[in-house]
Amino acid sequence: QVQLVESGGGLVQPGGSLRLSCAASGSIFSINFMGWVRQAPGKERELVATSTGSGTTYYGDSVKGRFTIAIDNAKHTGYLRMDNLNVEDTAVYYCHANIVTGQRAQNYWGQGTQVTVSS
């Protein structure tokens, strides 16, 4: 079974930066798609960023220009670089991916990593 393990979250001051990682393990043939959503108390789930395996990206309006998503296919790892963080970015960030194992493509989710932006 494929697993997505997230890391890189933590506490950062407003204006700071973090890089989240999403490492996929298992029998992986290719990554078709990877993205990040976030969930904060009192807020609805928000799509943050997505990337296809070929490099086509999407960013939510609230993070556009501040966040960068990338996939390293050789390492089966995705990254979310977050710059100029503000308190509204505080949330649990979840990695999700569509991954091909053998001849099947399935969706997977990471366990989430907490990002807290506070002074």
Protein backbone atom coordinates (compact mmCIF):
# COMPACT_ATOMS: atom_id res chain seq x y z
CA GLN A 1 0.00 0.00 0.00
CA VAL A 2 1.22 3.48 -0.85
CA GLN A 3 1.72 5.88 2.02
CA LEU A 4 2.24 9.63 2.02
CA VAL A 5 4.29 10.98 4.90
CA GLU A 6 4.35 14.72 5.47
CA SER A 7 6.98 16.71 7.27
CA GLY A 8 8.24 20.26 7.63
CA GLY A 9 5.44 21.85 9.60
CA GLY A 10 6.00 23.84 12.73
CA LEU A 11 5.83 27.25 14.33
CA VAL A 12 6.96 30.29 12.39
CA GLN A 13 6.59 34.03 12.85
CA PRO A 14 4.62 36.15 10.41
CA GLY A 15 6.70 36.85 7.34
CA GLY A 16 8.68 33.66 7.75
CA SER A 17 8.99 30.64 5.50
CA LEU A 18 8.54 26.88 5.69
CA ARG A 19 8.94 24.02 3.26
CA LEU A 20 6.62 21.06 3.54
CA SER A 21 7.54 17.67 2.14
CA CYS A 22 5.29 14.82 1.07
CA ALA A 23 7.21 11.59 0.62
CA ALA A 24 5.45 8.71 -1.10
CA SER A 25 6.51 5.18 -0.29
CA GLY A 26 5.50 1.84 -1.72
CA SER A 27 5.46 0.27 -5.15
CA ILE A 28 5.14 3.46 -7.18
CA PHE A 29 5.24 3.60 -10.95
CA SER A 30 4.52 7.30 -11.37
CA ILE A 31 2.80 10.28 -9.81
CA ASN A 32 0.03 11.71 -11.95
CA PHE A 33 -0.96 14.51 -9.60
CA MET A 34 -0.06 15.94 -6.24
CA GLY A 35 -1.61 18.72 -4.23
CA TRP A 36 -2.10 20.30 -0.85
CA VAL A 37 -5.24 21.26 1.03
CA ARG A 38 -5.46 22.89 4.41
CA GLN A 39 -7.96 22.87 7.25
CA ALA A 40 -8.10 25.37 10.07
CA PRO A 41 -10.53 25.56 13.01
CA GLY A 42 -13.51 27.64 12.05
CA LYS A 43 -12.63 27.57 8.37
CA GLU A 44 -13.68 25.39 5.50
CA ARG A 45 -11.23 23.14 3.72
CA GLU A 46 -9.18 25.12 1.23
CA LEU A 47 -7.32 23.93 -1.82
CA VAL A 48 -3.83 25.40 -1.61
CA ALA A 49 -1.91 24.18 -4.64
CA THR A 50 -1.75 21.35 -7.15
CA SER A 51 0.70 20.04 -9.68
CA THR A 52 0.46 17.46 -12.42
CA GLY A 53 3.32 15.09 -13.02
CA SER A 54 4.17 17.11 -16.12
CA GLY A 55 4.49 20.34 -14.14
CA THR A 56 1.19 22.14 -14.67
CA THR A 57 0.44 24.00 -11.45
CA TYR A 58 -2.48 25.70 -9.77
CA TYR A 59 -2.53 27.99 -6.75
CA GLY A 60 -5.36 29.22 -4.65
CA ASP A 61 -5.90 32.96 -4.70
CA SER A 62 -4.92 33.37 -1.07
CA VAL A 63 -1.46 31.84 -1.59
CA LYS A 64 -0.68 32.85 -5.15
CA GLY A 65 2.70 34.51 -5.36
CA ARG A 66 3.76 33.24 -1.94
CA PHE A 67 3.67 29.44 -2.24
CA THR A 68 5.41 27.17 -4.73
CA ILE A 69 4.60 23.52 -5.39
CA ALA A 70 6.98 21.05 -6.99
CA ILE A 71 7.28 17.31 -7.54
CA ASP A 72 10.54 15.41 -7.67
CA ASN A 73 9.45 12.32 -9.57
CA ALA A 74 12.75 10.51 -9.09
CA LYS A 75 12.42 10.82 -5.31
CA HIS A 76 8.63 10.32 -5.29
CA THR A 77 8.42 13.41 -3.13
CA GLY A 78 6.42 16.60 -3.40
CA TYR A 79 7.23 19.93 -1.84
CA LEU A 80 5.34 23.03 -0.87
CA ARG A 81 7.50 26.09 -0.33
CA MET A 82 5.67 28.70 1.72
CA ASP A 83 7.03 32.24 1.88
CA ASN A 84 5.76 35.40 3.55
CA LEU A 85 3.51 33.44 5.86
CA ASN A 86 0.74 35.18 7.75
CA VAL A 87 -1.56 34.14 10.57
CA GLU A 88 -4.29 33.19 8.11
CA ASP A 89 -2.01 30.42 6.85
CA THR A 90 -2.26 28.62 10.18
CA ALA A 91 -3.82 25.23 9.48
CA VAL A 92 -3.23 21.53 9.17
CA TYR A 93 -1.84 20.92 5.71
CA TYR A 94 -2.69 17.66 3.97
CA CYS A 95 -0.86 16.24 1.01
CA HIS A 96 -2.86 14.27 -1.55
CA ALA A 97 -1.74 12.49 -4.66
CA ASN A 98 -2.91 10.35 -7.53
CA ILE A 99 -0.33 7.62 -7.90
CA VAL A 100 0.04 4.79 -10.37
CA THR A 101 0.90 1.41 -8.90
CA GLY A 102 1.21 -1.18 -11.61
CA GLN A 103 -1.66 -0.44 -14.00
CA ARG A 104 -3.87 1.28 -11.43
CA ALA A 105 -4.07 4.92 -10.43
CA GLN A 106 -5.43 5.66 -6.97
CA ASN A 107 -5.78 8.62 -4.65
CA TYR A 108 -3.86 8.82 -1.39
CA TRP A 109 -3.74 11.24 1.52
CA GLY A 110 -1.07 12.14 4.00
CA GLN A 111 -1.60 12.35 7.73
CA GLY A 112 -1.38 16.12 7.85
CA THR A 113 1.21 18.45 9.30
CA GLN A 114 0.50 21.46 11.51
CA VAL A 115 1.63 24.89 10.40
CA THR A 116 1.26 27.63 13.00
CA VAL A 117 2.06 31.23 12.18
CA SER A 118 2.26 33.33 15.31
CA SER A 119 4.40 35.99 16.91
